[in-house]
Amino acid sequence: MKNRNFLKAAACGLALFGLLAGCSEEKKEGEKKGVVEQASDKVAHKVVEQIQQPLNKAHDSQALQNVQNQKMQDMVEQSGGEKPKE
């Protein structure tokens, strides 16, 4: 299990390094990407998607929690109760 996590982390690190190294070089508009650059771009896009998915879920979850908290506050205010201290 640790070995698998290490391999994933190493692959992500290499992809990130390739992405950063590829972005640092200025390319001419007419120049096409090589096979290695195309493969590293695909890996980098997959890594970015895998990182963004949990972050997006966390943001959605936080937004849902905020809406629920606001509804509870509104219900308390409508019932004539006091606002909870934050």
N, C-alpha and C. Protein backbone atom coordinates (compact mmCIF):
# COMPACT_ATOMS: atom_id res chain seq x y z
N MET A 1 0.83 -1.19 0.00
CA MET A 1 0.00 0.00 0.00
C MET A 1 0.88 1.26 0.00
N LYS A 2 1.93 1.26 0.83
CA LYS A 2 2.82 2.40 0.88
C LYS A 2 3.56 2.56 -0.44
N ASN A 3 3.90 1.43 -1.05
CA ASN A 3 4.61 1.47 -2.32
C ASN A 3 3.74 2.10 -3.40
N ARG A 4 2.46 1.77 -3.42
CA ARG A 4 1.54 2.31 -4.41
C ARG A 4 1.39 3.82 -4.21
N ASN A 5 1.26 4.25 -2.97
CA ASN A 5 1.15 5.69 -2.69
C ASN A 5 2.42 6.42 -3.10
N PHE A 6 3.57 5.77 -2.86
CA PHE A 6 4.84 6.38 -3.25
C PHE A 6 4.92 6.52 -4.76
N LEU A 7 4.49 5.51 -5.49
CA LEU A 7 4.52 5.57 -6.94
C LEU A 7 3.59 6.67 -7.47
N LYS A 8 2.41 6.79 -6.85
CA LYS A 8 1.49 7.85 -7.26
C LYS A 8 2.11 9.22 -7.01
N ALA A 9 2.71 9.38 -5.85
CA ALA A 9 3.33 10.66 -5.51
C ALA A 9 4.50 10.96 -6.45
N ALA A 10 5.28 9.95 -6.78
CA ALA A 10 6.40 10.15 -7.69
C ALA A 10 5.90 10.53 -9.08
N ALA A 11 4.85 9.87 -9.54
CA ALA A 11 4.29 10.20 -10.86
C ALA A 11 3.75 11.62 -10.88
N CYS A 12 3.06 12.00 -9.80
CA CYS A 12 2.54 13.37 -9.72
C CYS A 12 3.69 14.38 -9.70
N GLY A 13 4.74 14.06 -8.97
CA GLY A 13 5.90 14.95 -8.92
C GLY A 13 6.56 15.12 -10.27
N LEU A 14 6.73 14.00 -10.97
CA LEU A 14 7.32 14.07 -12.30
C LEU A 14 6.43 14.84 -13.26
N ALA A 15 5.13 14.61 -13.18
CA ALA A 15 4.21 15.32 -14.06
C ALA A 15 4.25 16.81 -13.78
N LEU A 16 4.27 17.17 -12.50
CA LEU A 16 4.33 18.58 -12.12
C LEU A 16 5.64 19.21 -12.60
N PHE A 17 6.73 18.48 -12.42
CA PHE A 17 8.02 18.97 -12.88
C PHE A 17 8.00 19.16 -14.40
N GLY A 18 7.45 18.21 -15.12
CA GLY A 18 7.37 18.32 -16.57
C GLY A 18 6.50 19.48 -16.99
N LEU A 19 5.42 19.68 -16.28
CA LEU A 19 4.53 20.80 -16.59
C LEU A 19 5.23 22.13 -16.36
N LEU A 20 5.90 22.24 -15.23
CA LEU A 20 6.61 23.49 -14.92
C LEU A 20 7.76 23.72 -15.89
N ALA A 21 8.49 22.68 -16.22
CA ALA A 21 9.61 22.82 -17.15
C ALA A 21 9.10 23.16 -18.54
N GLY A 22 7.99 22.56 -18.93
CA GLY A 22 7.43 22.84 -20.24
C GLY A 22 6.87 24.24 -20.35
N CYS A 23 6.33 24.73 -19.25
CA CYS A 23 5.75 26.08 -19.27
C CYS A 23 6.82 27.16 -19.24
N SER A 24 8.00 26.84 -18.76
CA SER A 24 9.04 27.85 -18.62
C SER A 24 9.70 28.18 -19.95
N GLU A 25 9.61 27.29 -20.91
CA GLU A 25 10.24 27.54 -22.19
C GLU A 25 9.24 28.22 -23.13
N GLU A 26 9.72 29.25 -23.80
CA GLU A 26 8.89 29.94 -24.78
C GLU A 26 8.93 29.14 -26.08
N LYS A 27 7.78 28.87 -26.66
CA LYS A 27 7.71 28.12 -27.90
C LYS A 27 7.26 29.05 -29.01
N LYS A 28 7.74 28.77 -30.19
CA LYS A 28 7.28 29.52 -31.35
C LYS A 28 5.90 29.03 -31.72
N GLU A 29 5.09 29.89 -32.33
CA GLU A 29 3.72 29.54 -32.65
C GLU A 29 3.64 28.38 -33.63
N GLY A 30 4.53 28.31 -34.59
CA GLY A 30 4.48 27.28 -35.61
C GLY A 30 5.09 25.96 -35.17
N GLU A 31 5.73 25.92 -34.03
CA GLU A 31 6.44 24.72 -33.56
C GLU A 31 5.46 23.73 -32.95
N LYS A 32 5.58 22.45 -33.34
CA LYS A 32 4.69 21.42 -32.80
C LYS A 32 5.35 20.76 -31.60
N LYS A 33 4.52 20.21 -30.72
CA LYS A 33 5.02 19.51 -29.54
C LYS A 33 5.48 18.12 -29.92
N GLY A 34 6.50 17.64 -29.22
CA GLY A 34 6.98 16.30 -29.44
C GLY A 34 6.12 15.29 -28.70
N VAL A 35 6.39 14.02 -28.93
CA VAL A 35 5.63 12.94 -28.32
C VAL A 35 5.75 12.98 -26.80
N VAL A 36 6.95 13.22 -26.31
CA VAL A 36 7.17 13.26 -24.86
C VAL A 36 6.41 14.42 -24.24
N GLU A 37 6.43 15.57 -24.89
CA GLU A 37 5.73 16.73 -24.37
C GLU A 37 4.22 16.51 -24.37
N GLN A 38 3.71 15.86 -25.41
CA GLN A 38 2.29 15.57 -25.47
C GLN A 38 1.89 14.61 -24.36
N ALA A 39 2.72 13.59 -24.12
CA ALA A 39 2.42 12.62 -23.07
C ALA A 39 2.48 13.28 -21.70
N SER A 40 3.48 14.14 -21.50
CA SER A 40 3.58 14.80 -20.19
C SER A 40 2.41 15.77 -19.99
N ASP A 41 1.95 16.39 -21.06
CA ASP A 41 0.78 17.27 -20.95
C ASP A 41 -0.47 16.48 -20.55
N LYS A 42 -0.65 15.31 -21.15
CA LYS A 42 -1.80 14.47 -20.80
C LYS A 42 -1.75 14.06 -19.34
N VAL A 43 -0.56 13.66 -18.89
CA VAL A 43 -0.40 13.24 -17.49
C VAL A 43 -0.65 14.43 -16.57
N ALA A 44 -0.14 15.59 -16.95
CA ALA A 44 -0.33 16.78 -16.12
C ALA A 44 -1.80 17.15 -16.02
N HIS A 45 -2.53 17.05 -17.13
CA HIS A 45 -3.96 17.37 -17.09
C HIS A 45 -4.71 16.38 -16.19
N LYS A 46 -4.34 15.10 -16.26
CA LYS A 46 -4.99 14.11 -15.40
C LYS A 46 -4.70 14.39 -13.93
N VAL A 47 -3.46 14.75 -13.64
CA VAL A 47 -3.08 15.05 -12.25
C VAL A 47 -3.85 16.26 -11.74
N VAL A 48 -3.95 17.29 -12.57
CA VAL A 48 -4.67 18.50 -12.17
C VAL A 48 -6.14 18.16 -11.91
N GLU A 49 -6.73 17.34 -12.77
CA GLU A 49 -8.13 16.94 -12.57
C GLU A 49 -8.29 16.17 -11.26
N GLN A 50 -7.35 15.25 -10.98
CA GLN A 50 -7.44 14.45 -9.75
C GLN A 50 -7.27 15.32 -8.52
N ILE A 51 -6.49 16.37 -8.62
CA ILE A 51 -6.31 17.27 -7.48
C ILE A 51 -7.53 18.17 -7.32
N GLN A 52 -8.08 18.64 -8.44
CA GLN A 52 -9.19 19.59 -8.38
C GLN A 52 -10.51 18.93 -7.96
N GLN A 53 -10.71 17.66 -8.26
CA GLN A 53 -11.97 17.01 -7.91
C GLN A 53 -12.24 17.05 -6.41
N PRO A 54 -11.32 16.61 -5.55
CA PRO A 54 -11.62 16.70 -4.11
C PRO A 54 -11.77 18.14 -3.62
N LEU A 55 -11.00 19.06 -4.21
CA LEU A 55 -11.12 20.45 -3.81
C LEU A 55 -12.50 21.00 -4.18
N ASN A 56 -12.97 20.68 -5.37
CA ASN A 56 -14.30 21.13 -5.79
C ASN A 56 -15.38 20.53 -4.91
N LYS A 57 -15.22 19.25 -4.54
CA LYS A 57 -16.19 18.61 -3.65
C LYS A 57 -16.19 19.29 -2.29
N ALA A 58 -15.02 19.65 -1.80
CA ALA A 58 -14.93 20.33 -0.51
C ALA A 58 -15.60 21.70 -0.56
N HIS A 59 -15.39 22.43 -1.66
CA HIS A 59 -16.03 23.74 -1.81
C HIS A 59 -17.55 23.59 -1.87
N ASP A 60 -18.02 22.59 -2.61
CA ASP A 60 -19.46 22.36 -2.71
C ASP A 60 -20.04 21.99 -1.35
N SER A 61 -19.31 21.15 -0.62
CA SER A 61 -19.77 20.73 0.70
C SER A 61 -19.83 21.92 1.65
N GLN A 62 -18.83 22.79 1.58
CA GLN A 62 -18.82 23.98 2.43
C GLN A 62 -19.97 24.90 2.08
N ALA A 63 -20.25 25.06 0.79
CA ALA A 63 -21.37 25.91 0.37
C ALA A 63 -22.69 25.35 0.88
N LEU A 64 -22.86 24.04 0.79
CA LEU A 64 -24.07 23.40 1.29
C LEU A 64 -24.21 23.59 2.80
N GLN A 65 -23.11 23.45 3.51
CA GLN A 65 -23.12 23.64 4.96
C GLN A 65 -23.50 25.08 5.31
N ASN A 66 -22.98 26.04 4.55
CA ASN A 66 -23.31 27.46 4.79
C ASN A 66 -24.80 27.72 4.58
N VAL A 67 -25.36 27.13 3.52
CA VAL A 67 -26.79 27.29 3.25
C VAL A 67 -27.61 26.70 4.39
N GLN A 68 -27.23 25.52 4.86
CA GLN A 68 -27.96 24.87 5.95
C GLN A 68 -27.86 25.70 7.23
N ASN A 69 -26.69 26.24 7.51
CA ASN A 69 -26.53 27.08 8.70
C ASN A 69 -27.40 28.33 8.61
N GLN A 70 -27.47 28.93 7.42
CA GLN A 70 -28.30 30.11 7.24
C GLN A 70 -29.78 29.78 7.43
N LYS A 71 -30.21 28.64 6.92
CA LYS A 71 -31.60 28.22 7.10
C LYS A 71 -31.92 28.01 8.58
N MET A 72 -30.99 27.40 9.30
CA MET A 72 -31.21 27.18 10.73
C MET A 72 -31.30 28.51 11.46
N GLN A 73 -30.44 29.46 11.10
CA GLN A 73 -30.48 30.77 11.74
C GLN A 73 -31.81 31.46 11.45
N ASP A 74 -32.27 31.39 10.21
CA ASP A 74 -33.55 31.99 9.85
C ASP A 74 -34.69 31.36 10.63
N MET A 75 -34.66 30.05 10.80
CA MET A 75 -35.72 29.36 11.54
C MET A 75 -35.72 29.79 13.01
N VAL A 76 -34.53 29.95 13.58
CA VAL A 76 -34.43 30.37 14.98
C VAL A 76 -34.96 31.79 15.13
N GLU A 77 -34.61 32.66 14.19
CA GLU A 77 -35.09 34.04 14.25
C GLU A 77 -36.60 34.12 14.08
N GLN A 78 -37.16 33.29 13.20
CA GLN A 78 -38.60 33.29 12.99
C GLN A 78 -39.36 32.77 14.20
N SER A 79 -38.74 31.85 14.94
CA SER A 79 -39.42 31.29 16.10
C SER A 79 -39.30 32.20 17.31
N GLY A 80 -38.57 33.30 17.18
CA GLY A 80 -38.46 34.26 18.27
C GLY A 80 -37.32 33.94 19.21
N GLY A 81 -36.49 33.01 18.84
CA GLY A 81 -35.34 32.66 19.70
C GLY A 81 -34.19 33.62 19.50
N GLU A 82 -33.18 33.43 20.30
CA GLU A 82 -32.01 34.27 20.21
C GLU A 82 -31.07 33.71 19.17
N LYS A 83 -30.24 34.60 18.63
CA LYS A 83 -29.22 34.16 17.69
C LYS A 83 -28.15 33.38 18.46
N PRO A 84 -27.70 32.27 17.88
CA PRO A 84 -26.60 31.55 18.54
C PRO A 84 -25.31 32.36 18.46
N LYS A 85 -24.52 32.30 19.50
CA LYS A 85 -23.25 33.01 19.52
C LYS A 85 -22.27 32.25 18.64
N GLU A 86 -21.49 33.02 17.89
CA GLU A 86 -20.51 32.39 16.99
C GLU A 86 -19.14 32.44 17.58
